[in-house]
Amino acid sequence: MHGLYDKVQDAVAFIKKKWSATPHAGVILGTGLGSFVQHIQEEASFEYGDIPHFPRSTAISHRGRLVCGRLSGLPVVAMEGRFHMYEGYPLDQITLPVRVMKALDAKLLVVSNACGGMNPYFRAGDIMLIEDHINLMGANPLIGINDDRLGPRFPDMCEPYCHRRIERALEVARRENIVAHKGVFVAVAGPNLETRAEYRFLRMIGADVVGMSTVPEVIVAVHCGLAVVGFSIVTDMCLPDALEPADVAKIIATANAAEPKLTKLVLGVLAGESVN
């Protein structure tokens, strides 16, 4: 953690040279969801490679750009693509943008991902509101010397995802006739997909969907005091007794097709936010 505070301040200073607004929310867009930024009234944008200490996104369909502007009338800063542990980056670097969002004075983190569905009641294209998570990545972004300026040594995780905002999103889903569930997200390191035995194990321990991201960002968001609402788009079904080889192109296409539904839910959540 040594030097992390200064890295955050360097990135914030760079962004503020071009964009002086205070974001109410930060948004992280996962696989296949980059087109969401079209709904943002863009005021400034930055390539990740230009922002001090930001990694470069190497994952498929991740554009690698920070977009600042307005969404539903609220100032936001959105990551058009994220970073993953399987790209070889340490978790403190992967989660640096979350700390930058907090340092820009954001109050809320909206996080999204594409995931594999293990709950047999789910279908590809459904959206799951993340109610809780399980960290099986074998690492934690808070390991190391704690800098109290960034958050407490032992952050409490009894409610990492805001229940009030989950219910608000579900109300929007009912009104818009969108299939949405509540459930548990389990994070694994990847990049390989799971074996049949691993899917059985993950389902047995209580997970509804599985992915390779999100949990590190949420841990850091809780550590630094951001409220969180999380959305998972089920892009393929991972039922061990009916398992088929994964088709990455099809997974991305499913995420793209579900993006309008995700947009309606996110806009619905933000419409209920009040800005002081």
C-alpha atoms as a PDB file:
ATOM      1  CA  MET A   1       0.000   0.000   0.000  1.00  0.00           C
ATOM      2  CA  HIS A   2       3.055   2.293   0.335  1.00  0.00           C
ATOM      3  CA  GLY A   3       2.814   5.095  -2.186  1.00  0.00           C
ATOM      4  CA  LEU A   4      -0.759   4.274  -3.215  1.00  0.00           C
ATOM      5  CA  TYR A   5      -2.172   7.491  -1.785  1.00  0.00           C
ATOM      6  CA  ASP A   6       0.263   9.560  -3.853  1.00  0.00           C
ATOM      7  CA  LYS A   7      -0.580   7.582  -7.001  1.00  0.00           C
ATOM      8  CA  VAL A   8      -4.262   8.321  -6.458  1.00  0.00           C
ATOM      9  CA  GLN A   9      -3.544  12.017  -6.023  1.00  0.00           C
ATOM     10  CA  ASP A  10      -1.439  12.077  -9.216  1.00  0.00           C
ATOM     11  CA  ALA A  11      -4.292  10.562 -11.233  1.00  0.00           C
ATOM     12  CA  VAL A  12      -6.874  12.893  -9.710  1.00  0.00           C
ATOM     13  CA  ALA A  13      -4.770  15.962 -10.470  1.00  0.00           C
ATOM     14  CA  PHE A  14      -4.385  14.823 -14.087  1.00  0.00           C
ATOM     15  CA  ILE A  15      -8.136  14.312 -14.533  1.00  0.00           C
ATOM     16  CA  LYS A  16      -9.045  17.624 -12.889  1.00  0.00           C
ATOM     17  CA  LYS A  17      -6.933  19.539 -15.392  1.00  0.00           C
ATOM     18  CA  LYS A  18      -9.532  18.638 -18.021  1.00  0.00           C
ATOM     19  CA  TRP A  19     -12.665  17.896 -15.983  1.00  0.00           C
ATOM     20  CA  SER A  20     -13.427  19.877 -12.838  1.00  0.00           C
ATOM     21  CA  ALA A  21     -16.883  18.484 -12.002  1.00  0.00           C
ATOM     22  CA  THR A  22     -17.553  16.351  -8.927  1.00  0.00           C
ATOM     23  CA  PRO A  23     -18.951  12.947  -9.900  1.00  0.00           C
ATOM     24  CA  HIS A  24     -21.837  11.538  -7.932  1.00  0.00           C
ATOM     25  CA  ALA A  25     -21.130   8.024  -9.190  1.00  0.00           C
ATOM     26  CA  GLY A  26     -18.381   5.971 -10.714  1.00  0.00           C
ATOM     27  CA  VAL A  27     -19.346   3.294 -13.233  1.00  0.00           C
ATOM     28  CA  ILE A  28     -17.304   0.212 -14.200  1.00  0.00           C
ATOM     29  CA  LEU A  29     -18.371  -1.442 -17.456  1.00  0.00           C
ATOM     30  CA  GLY A  30     -17.548  -5.102 -17.945  1.00  0.00           C
ATOM     31  CA  THR A  31     -17.188  -7.383 -20.959  1.00  0.00           C
ATOM     32  CA  GLY A  32     -19.430  -6.398 -23.866  1.00  0.00           C
ATOM     33  CA  LEU A  33     -20.924  -3.408 -22.058  1.00  0.00           C
ATOM     34  CA  GLY A  34     -18.769  -0.596 -23.448  1.00  0.00           C
ATOM     35  CA  SER A  35     -21.623   0.795 -25.573  1.00  0.00           C
ATOM     36  CA  PHE A  36     -23.233   1.985 -22.340  1.00  0.00           C
ATOM     37  CA  VAL A  37     -21.041   5.098 -22.545  1.00  0.00           C
ATOM     38  CA  GLN A  38     -23.132   6.290 -25.511  1.00  0.00           C
ATOM     39  CA  HIS A  39     -25.758   7.276 -22.952  1.00  0.00           C
ATOM     40  CA  ILE A  40     -23.331   9.581 -21.156  1.00  0.00           C
ATOM     41  CA  GLN A  41     -23.260  13.235 -22.157  1.00  0.00           C
ATOM     42  CA  GLU A  42     -19.486  13.264 -22.527  1.00  0.00           C
ATOM     43  CA  GLU A  43     -17.549  16.246 -21.182  1.00  0.00           C
ATOM     44  CA  ALA A  44     -14.062  14.742 -21.132  1.00  0.00           C
ATOM     45  CA  SER A  45     -12.369  11.422 -21.803  1.00  0.00           C
ATOM     46  CA  PHE A  46      -8.962   9.919 -21.130  1.00  0.00           C
ATOM     47  CA  GLU A  47      -7.143   6.902 -22.537  1.00  0.00           C
ATOM     48  CA  TYR A  48      -6.044   4.713 -19.646  1.00  0.00           C
ATOM     49  CA  GLY A  49      -2.467   4.829 -20.889  1.00  0.00           C
ATOM     50  CA  ASP A  50      -2.434   8.605 -20.466  1.00  0.00           C
ATOM     51  CA  ILE A  51      -3.617   8.652 -16.836  1.00  0.00           C
ATOM     52  CA  PRO A  52      -0.773   8.429 -14.307  1.00  0.00           C
ATOM     53  CA  HIS A  53      -0.377   4.917 -12.811  1.00  0.00           C
ATOM     54  CA  PHE A  54      -3.369   3.410 -14.677  1.00  0.00           C
ATOM     55  CA  PRO A  55      -2.744  -0.001 -16.269  1.00  0.00           C
ATOM     56  CA  ARG A  56      -3.653  -0.683 -19.903  1.00  0.00           C
ATOM     57  CA  SER A  57      -6.691  -2.827 -20.595  1.00  0.00           C
ATOM     58  CA  THR A  58      -5.820  -5.921 -22.642  1.00  0.00           C
ATOM     59  CA  ALA A  59      -9.077  -7.897 -22.296  1.00  0.00           C
ATOM     60  CA  ILE A  60     -11.320  -8.581 -25.294  1.00  0.00           C
ATOM     61  CA  SER A  61     -14.025  -5.887 -25.842  1.00  0.00           C
ATOM     62  CA  HIS A  62     -12.554  -3.564 -23.182  1.00  0.00           C
ATOM     63  CA  ARG A  63     -11.950  -0.178 -24.848  1.00  0.00           C
ATOM     64  CA  GLY A  64      -9.649   1.227 -22.169  1.00  0.00           C
ATOM     65  CA  ARG A  65     -11.000   4.748 -21.676  1.00  0.00           C
ATOM     66  CA  LEU A  66     -12.236   6.868 -18.773  1.00  0.00           C
ATOM     67  CA  VAL A  67     -15.324   8.877 -19.750  1.00  0.00           C
ATOM     68  CA  CYS A  68     -16.517  11.856 -17.684  1.00  0.00           C
ATOM     69  CA  GLY A  69     -19.874  13.548 -18.136  1.00  0.00           C
ATOM     70  CA  ARG A  70     -23.541  13.379 -17.172  1.00  0.00           C
ATOM     71  CA  LEU A  71     -25.949  10.473 -16.948  1.00  0.00           C
ATOM     72  CA  SER A  72     -29.565  11.031 -15.907  1.00  0.00           C
ATOM     73  CA  GLY A  73     -28.486  14.569 -15.054  1.00  0.00           C
ATOM     74  CA  LEU A  74     -25.879  13.331 -12.587  1.00  0.00           C
ATOM     75  CA  PRO A  75     -22.145  13.848 -13.063  1.00  0.00           C
ATOM     76  CA  VAL A  76     -20.433  10.467 -13.476  1.00  0.00           C
ATOM     77  CA  VAL A  77     -17.063   9.010 -14.326  1.00  0.00           C
ATOM     78  CA  ALA A  78     -17.206   5.713 -16.238  1.00  0.00           C
ATOM     79  CA  MET A  79     -14.596   3.086 -16.988  1.00  0.00           C
ATOM     80  CA  GLU A  80     -15.088   1.845 -20.542  1.00  0.00           C
ATOM     81  CA  GLY A  81     -13.431  -1.462 -19.765  1.00  0.00           C
ATOM     82  CA  ARG A  82     -11.755  -2.721 -16.598  1.00  0.00           C
ATOM     83  CA  PHE A  83      -8.605  -4.553 -15.531  1.00  0.00           C
ATOM     84  CA  HIS A  84      -8.371  -8.180 -14.454  1.00  0.00           C
ATOM     85  CA  MET A  85      -6.090 -10.265 -12.298  1.00  0.00           C
ATOM     86  CA  TYR A  86      -5.554 -12.666 -15.222  1.00  0.00           C
ATOM     87  CA  GLU A  87      -3.964  -9.841 -17.213  1.00  0.00           C
ATOM     88  CA  GLY A  88      -1.090  -9.990 -14.746  1.00  0.00           C
ATOM     89  CA  TYR A  89      -1.806  -6.819 -12.765  1.00  0.00           C
ATOM     90  CA  PRO A  90      -1.662  -6.769  -8.942  1.00  0.00           C
ATOM     91  CA  LEU A  91      -4.984  -6.087  -7.262  1.00  0.00           C
ATOM     92  CA  ASP A  92      -3.922  -2.741  -5.800  1.00  0.00           C
ATOM     93  CA  GLN A  93      -3.280  -1.526  -9.359  1.00  0.00           C
ATOM     94  CA  ILE A  94      -6.491  -3.083 -10.713  1.00  0.00           C
ATOM     95  CA  THR A  95      -8.510  -1.229  -8.094  1.00  0.00           C
ATOM     96  CA  LEU A  96      -6.676   2.102  -8.344  1.00  0.00           C
ATOM     97  CA  PRO A  97      -9.481   3.657 -10.470  1.00  0.00           C
ATOM     98  CA  VAL A  98     -11.979   3.000  -7.670  1.00  0.00           C
ATOM     99  CA  ARG A  99      -9.823   4.975  -5.257  1.00  0.00           C
ATOM    100  CA  VAL A 100      -9.528   7.731  -7.856  1.00  0.00           C
ATOM    101  CA  MET A 101     -13.335   7.868  -8.129  1.00  0.00           C
ATOM    102  CA  LYS A 102     -13.554   8.227  -4.353  1.00  0.00           C
ATOM    103  CA  ALA A 103     -10.849  10.917  -4.328  1.00  0.00           C
ATOM    104  CA  LEU A 104     -12.870  12.802  -6.968  1.00  0.00           C
ATOM    105  CA  ASP A 105     -15.626  12.768  -4.283  1.00  0.00           C
ATOM    106  CA  ALA A 106     -17.940  10.152  -5.814  1.00  0.00           C
ATOM    107  CA  LYS A 107     -20.492   8.676  -3.416  1.00  0.00           C
ATOM    108  CA  LEU A 108     -21.603   5.584  -5.336  1.00  0.00           C
ATOM    109  CA  LEU A 109     -19.923   2.840  -7.385  1.00  0.00           C
ATOM    110  CA  VAL A 110     -22.001   1.137 -10.082  1.00  0.00           C
ATOM    111  CA  VAL A 111     -20.220  -2.034 -11.142  1.00  0.00           C
ATOM    112  CA  SER A 112     -21.189  -4.418 -13.933  1.00  0.00           C
ATOM    113  CA  ASN A 113     -19.851  -7.639 -15.382  1.00  0.00           C
ATOM    114  CA  ALA A 114     -20.547 -10.523 -17.716  1.00  0.00           C
ATOM    115  CA  CYS A 115     -20.765 -13.838 -15.896  1.00  0.00           C
ATOM    116  CA  GLY A 116     -21.567 -17.512 -16.181  1.00  0.00           C
ATOM    117  CA  GLY A 117     -24.868 -18.614 -14.701  1.00  0.00           C
ATOM    118  CA  MET A 118     -24.967 -21.615 -12.360  1.00  0.00           C
ATOM    119  CA  ASN A 119     -28.447 -21.158 -10.901  1.00  0.00           C
ATOM    120  CA  PRO A 120     -30.731 -23.383 -13.021  1.00  0.00           C
ATOM    121  CA  TYR A 121     -33.527 -20.815 -12.732  1.00  0.00           C
ATOM    122  CA  PHE A 122     -31.412 -18.252 -14.620  1.00  0.00           C
ATOM    123  CA  ARG A 123     -31.154 -17.929 -18.392  1.00  0.00           C
ATOM    124  CA  ALA A 124     -28.580 -16.343 -20.710  1.00  0.00           C
ATOM    125  CA  GLY A 125     -29.445 -12.656 -21.088  1.00  0.00           C
ATOM    126  CA  ASP A 126     -30.916 -12.328 -17.583  1.00  0.00           C
ATOM    127  CA  ILE A 127     -29.563  -9.699 -15.205  1.00  0.00           C
ATOM    128  CA  MET A 128     -28.652 -10.458 -11.604  1.00  0.00           C
ATOM    129  CA  LEU A 129     -28.405  -7.795  -8.905  1.00  0.00           C
ATOM    130  CA  ILE A 130     -25.416  -8.786  -6.812  1.00  0.00           C
ATOM    131  CA  GLU A 131     -26.633  -9.261  -3.252  1.00  0.00           C
ATOM    132  CA  ASP A 132     -23.417 -10.733  -1.891  1.00  0.00           C
ATOM    133  CA  HIS A 133     -20.158 -12.236  -3.106  1.00  0.00           C
ATOM    134  CA  ILE A 134     -17.571 -14.924  -2.448  1.00  0.00           C
ATOM    135  CA  ASN A 135     -13.893 -14.185  -3.051  1.00  0.00           C
ATOM    136  CA  LEU A 136     -12.057 -17.251  -4.422  1.00  0.00           C
ATOM    137  CA  MET A 137      -9.411 -15.284  -6.334  1.00  0.00           C
ATOM    138  CA  GLY A 138      -6.709 -16.247  -3.848  1.00  0.00           C
ATOM    139  CA  ALA A 139      -5.815 -12.618  -3.204  1.00  0.00           C
ATOM    140  CA  ASN A 140      -7.156  -9.437  -1.631  1.00  0.00           C
ATOM    141  CA  PRO A 141      -6.391  -5.818  -2.670  1.00  0.00           C
ATOM    142  CA  LEU A 142      -6.090  -4.753   0.977  1.00  0.00           C
ATOM    143  CA  ILE A 143      -3.198  -7.072   1.860  1.00  0.00           C
ATOM    144  CA  GLY A 144      -0.156  -5.080   2.942  1.00  0.00           C
ATOM    145  CA  ILE A 145       0.483  -2.013   5.072  1.00  0.00           C
ATOM    146  CA  ASN A 146      -2.756  -0.069   5.509  1.00  0.00           C
ATOM    147  CA  ASP A 147      -2.802   3.657   4.762  1.00  0.00           C
ATOM    148  CA  ASP A 148      -5.448   5.104   7.074  1.00  0.00           C
ATOM    149  CA  ARG A 149      -5.974   7.984   4.647  1.00  0.00           C
ATOM    150  CA  LEU A 150      -7.501   5.472   2.230  1.00  0.00           C
ATOM    151  CA  GLY A 151      -9.634   3.475   4.662  1.00  0.00           C
ATOM    152  CA  PRO A 152      -9.646   1.377   7.856  1.00  0.00           C
ATOM    153  CA  ARG A 153      -7.450  -1.656   8.496  1.00  0.00           C
ATOM    154  CA  PHE A 154     -10.439  -4.014   8.899  1.00  0.00           C
ATOM    155  CA  PRO A 155     -13.395  -2.843   6.772  1.00  0.00           C
ATOM    156  CA  ASP A 156     -16.722  -4.465   7.610  1.00  0.00           C
ATOM    157  CA  MET A 157     -18.370  -6.455   4.811  1.00  0.00           C
ATOM    158  CA  CYS A 158     -21.804  -7.172   6.310  1.00  0.00           C
ATOM    159  CA  GLU A 159     -23.472  -5.187   3.485  1.00  0.00           C
ATOM    160  CA  PRO A 160     -21.039  -4.627   0.615  1.00  0.00           C
ATOM    161  CA  TYR A 161     -23.930  -4.055  -1.819  1.00  0.00           C
ATOM    162  CA  CYS A 162     -26.558  -1.431  -0.958  1.00  0.00           C
ATOM    163  CA  HIS A 163     -29.870  -3.199  -0.293  1.00  0.00           C
ATOM    164  CA  ARG A 164     -31.884  -0.044  -0.887  1.00  0.00           C
ATOM    165  CA  ARG A 165     -30.466   0.426  -4.358  1.00  0.00           C
ATOM    166  CA  ILE A 166     -30.898  -3.279  -5.159  1.00  0.00           C
ATOM    167  CA  GLU A 167     -34.601  -2.971  -4.407  1.00  0.00           C
ATOM    168  CA  ARG A 168     -34.819   0.191  -6.475  1.00  0.00           C
ATOM    169  CA  ALA A 169     -33.271  -1.628  -9.453  1.00  0.00           C
ATOM    170  CA  LEU A 170     -35.699  -4.530  -9.041  1.00  0.00           C
ATOM    171  CA  GLU A 171     -38.627  -2.093  -9.014  1.00  0.00           C
ATOM    172  CA  VAL A 172     -37.385  -0.697 -12.325  1.00  0.00           C
ATOM    173  CA  ALA A 173     -37.033  -4.233 -13.686  1.00  0.00           C
ATOM    174  CA  ARG A 174     -40.633  -5.067 -12.810  1.00  0.00           C
ATOM    175  CA  ARG A 175     -41.866  -1.840 -14.362  1.00  0.00           C
ATOM    176  CA  GLU A 176     -39.856  -2.379 -17.566  1.00  0.00           C
ATOM    177  CA  ASN A 177     -40.615  -6.121 -17.782  1.00  0.00           C
ATOM    178  CA  ILE A 178     -36.927  -7.024 -17.460  1.00  0.00           C
ATOM    179  CA  VAL A 179     -35.979 -10.430 -16.051  1.00  0.00           C
ATOM    180  CA  ALA A 180     -33.795  -9.665 -13.036  1.00  0.00           C
ATOM    181  CA  HIS A 181     -32.761 -11.711 -10.018  1.00  0.00           C
ATOM    182  CA  LYS A 182     -30.911 -11.229  -6.757  1.00  0.00           C
ATOM    183  CA  GLY A 183     -28.001 -13.538  -6.092  1.00  0.00           C
ATOM    184  CA  VAL A 184     -24.439 -14.301  -5.080  1.00  0.00           C
ATOM    185  CA  PHE A 185     -21.433 -13.646  -7.335  1.00  0.00           C
ATOM    186  CA  VAL A 186     -18.289 -15.729  -6.901  1.00  0.00           C
ATOM    187  CA  ALA A 187     -14.994 -14.360  -8.218  1.00  0.00           C
ATOM    188  CA  VAL A 188     -12.216 -16.628  -9.487  1.00  0.00           C
ATOM    189  CA  ALA A 189      -8.843 -15.687 -10.934  1.00  0.00           C
ATOM    190  CA  GLY A 190      -9.249 -17.182 -14.426  1.00  0.00           C
ATOM    191  CA  PRO A 191      -8.465 -16.950 -17.264  1.00  0.00           C
ATOM    192  CA  ASN A 192      -9.545 -20.551 -17.897  1.00  0.00           C
ATOM    193  CA  LEU A 193     -13.197 -21.375 -17.425  1.00  0.00           C
ATOM    194  CA  GLU A 194     -14.216 -23.892 -14.798  1.00  0.00           C
ATOM    195  CA  THR A 195     -14.413 -27.662 -14.916  1.00  0.00           C
ATOM    196  CA  ARG A 196     -17.663 -29.510 -14.290  1.00  0.00           C
ATOM    197  CA  ALA A 197     -16.470 -30.390 -10.795  1.00  0.00           C
ATOM    198  CA  GLU A 198     -15.601 -26.757 -10.074  1.00  0.00           C
ATOM    199  CA  TYR A 199     -19.059 -25.573 -11.193  1.00  0.00           C
ATOM    200  CA  ARG A 200     -20.632 -28.144  -8.877  1.00  0.00           C
ATOM    201  CA  PHE A 201     -18.437 -26.933  -6.019  1.00  0.00           C
ATOM    202  CA  LEU A 202     -19.193 -23.237  -6.632  1.00  0.00           C
ATOM    203  CA  ARG A 203     -22.914 -23.914  -6.744  1.00  0.00           C
ATOM    204  CA  MET A 204     -22.698 -26.031  -3.595  1.00  0.00           C
ATOM    205  CA  ILE A 205     -21.072 -23.205  -1.597  1.00  0.00           C
ATOM    206  CA  GLY A 206     -23.872 -20.799  -2.488  1.00  0.00           C
ATOM    207  CA  ALA A 207     -22.903 -18.996  -5.697  1.00  0.00           C
ATOM    208  CA  ASP A 208     -25.451 -18.205  -8.412  1.00  0.00           C
ATOM    209  CA  VAL A 209     -23.006 -16.824 -10.992  1.00  0.00           C
ATOM    210  CA  VAL A 210     -19.245 -16.883 -11.537  1.00  0.00           C
ATOM    211  CA  GLY A 211     -16.856 -14.315 -13.011  1.00  0.00           C
ATOM    212  CA  MET A 212     -13.255 -13.089 -13.008  1.00  0.00           C
ATOM    213  CA  SER A 213     -13.671  -9.514 -11.754  1.00  0.00           C
ATOM    214  CA  THR A 214     -15.761  -7.155  -9.612  1.00  0.00           C
ATOM    215  CA  VAL A 215     -14.970  -8.448  -6.124  1.00  0.00           C
ATOM    216  CA  PRO A 216     -11.596  -6.640  -5.810  1.00  0.00           C
ATOM    217  CA  GLU A 217     -13.211  -3.350  -6.872  1.00  0.00           C
ATOM    218  CA  VAL A 218     -16.059  -3.828  -4.402  1.00  0.00           C
ATOM    219  CA  ILE A 219     -13.700  -4.643  -1.536  1.00  0.00           C
ATOM    220  CA  VAL A 220     -11.806  -1.413  -2.218  1.00  0.00           C
ATOM    221  CA  ALA A 221     -15.052   0.546  -2.598  1.00  0.00           C
ATOM    222  CA  VAL A 222     -16.163  -0.624   0.851  1.00  0.00           C
ATOM    223  CA  HIS A 223     -12.690   0.133   2.235  1.00  0.00           C
ATOM    224  CA  CYS A 224     -12.808   3.736   1.016  1.00  0.00           C
ATOM    225  CA  GLY A 225     -16.471   4.376   1.879  1.00  0.00           C
ATOM    226  CA  LEU A 226     -18.313   4.128  -1.436  1.00  0.00           C
ATOM    227  CA  ALA A 227     -21.816   2.704  -1.595  1.00  0.00           C
ATOM    228  CA  VAL A 228     -22.057  -0.065  -4.219  1.00  0.00           C
ATOM    229  CA  VAL A 229     -24.689  -1.450  -6.559  1.00  0.00           C
ATOM    230  CA  GLY A 230     -23.661  -4.346  -8.783  1.00  0.00           C
ATOM    231  CA  PHE A 231     -25.129  -5.867 -11.944  1.00  0.00           C
ATOM    232  CA  SER A 232     -24.178  -9.189 -13.522  1.00  0.00           C
ATOM    233  CA  ILE A 233     -25.324 -10.084 -17.035  1.00  0.00           C
ATOM    234  CA  VAL A 234     -25.638 -13.845 -17.426  1.00  0.00           C
ATOM    235  CA  THR A 235     -23.981 -14.490 -20.774  1.00  0.00           C
ATOM    236  CA  ASP A 236     -23.899 -18.296 -20.734  1.00  0.00           C
ATOM    237  CA  MET A 237     -25.198 -21.144 -18.600  1.00  0.00           C
ATOM    238  CA  CYS A 238     -22.671 -23.246 -16.715  1.00  0.00           C
ATOM    239  CA  LEU A 239     -24.701 -26.279 -15.678  1.00  0.00           C
ATOM    240  CA  PRO A 240     -22.282 -29.182 -15.156  1.00  0.00           C
ATOM    241  CA  ASP A 241     -24.648 -31.885 -16.419  1.00  0.00           C
ATOM    242  CA  ALA A 242     -25.360 -29.962 -19.638  1.00  0.00           C
ATOM    243  CA  LEU A 243     -22.045 -28.177 -20.137  1.00  0.00           C
ATOM    244  CA  GLU A 244     -20.984 -27.103 -23.615  1.00  0.00           C
ATOM    245  CA  PRO A 245     -17.718 -25.492 -24.791  1.00  0.00           C
ATOM    246  CA  ALA A 246     -17.726 -21.709 -24.222  1.00  0.00           C
ATOM    247  CA  ASP A 247     -18.033 -19.470 -27.273  1.00  0.00           C
ATOM    248  CA  VAL A 248     -16.388 -16.127 -26.401  1.00  0.00           C
ATOM    249  CA  ALA A 249     -17.925 -14.355 -29.412  1.00  0.00           C
ATOM    250  CA  LYS A 250     -21.379 -15.552 -28.369  1.00  0.00           C
ATOM    251  CA  ILE A 251     -20.739 -14.467 -24.770  1.00  0.00           C
ATOM    252  CA  ILE A 252     -19.829 -10.940 -25.887  1.00  0.00           C
ATOM    253  CA  ALA A 253     -22.851 -10.836 -28.240  1.00  0.00           C
ATOM    254  CA  THR A 254     -25.155 -11.817 -25.361  1.00  0.00           C
ATOM    255  CA  ALA A 255     -23.691  -9.051 -23.194  1.00  0.00           C
ATOM    256  CA  ASN A 256     -24.133  -6.548 -26.030  1.00  0.00           C
ATOM    257  CA  ALA A 257     -27.765  -7.593 -26.494  1.00  0.00           C
ATOM    258  CA  ALA A 258     -28.469  -7.193 -22.770  1.00  0.00           C
ATOM    259  CA  GLU A 259     -26.849  -3.751 -22.524  1.00  0.00           C
ATOM    260  CA  PRO A 260     -30.124  -1.819 -23.162  1.00  0.00           C
ATOM    261  CA  LYS A 261     -31.690  -3.622 -20.188  1.00  0.00           C
ATOM    262  CA  LEU A 262     -28.688  -2.827 -18.016  1.00  0.00           C
ATOM    263  CA  THR A 263     -28.932   0.817 -19.090  1.00  0.00           C
ATOM    264  CA  LYS A 264     -32.570   1.040 -18.001  1.00  0.00           C
ATOM    265  CA  LEU A 265     -31.750  -0.410 -14.593  1.00  0.00           C
ATOM    266  CA  VAL A 266     -28.740   1.841 -14.015  1.00  0.00           C
ATOM    267  CA  LEU A 267     -30.660   4.922 -15.129  1.00  0.00           C
ATOM    268  CA  GLY A 268     -33.487   3.917 -12.817  1.00  0.00           C
ATOM    269  CA  VAL A 269     -31.139   3.628  -9.870  1.00  0.00           C
ATOM    270  CA  LEU A 270     -29.461   6.954 -10.615  1.00  0.00           C
ATOM    271  CA  ALA A 271     -32.837   8.674 -11.070  1.00  0.00           C
ATOM    272  CA  GLY A 272     -33.481   7.982  -7.394  1.00  0.00           C
ATOM    273  CA  GLU A 273     -30.237   9.562  -6.249  1.00  0.00           C
ATOM    274  CA  SER A 274     -30.209  12.968  -4.595  1.00  0.00           C
ATOM    275  CA  VAL A 275     -27.201  15.223  -4.941  1.00  0.00           C
ATOM    276  CA  ASN A 276     -26.455  17.715  -2.187  1.00  0.00           C
END
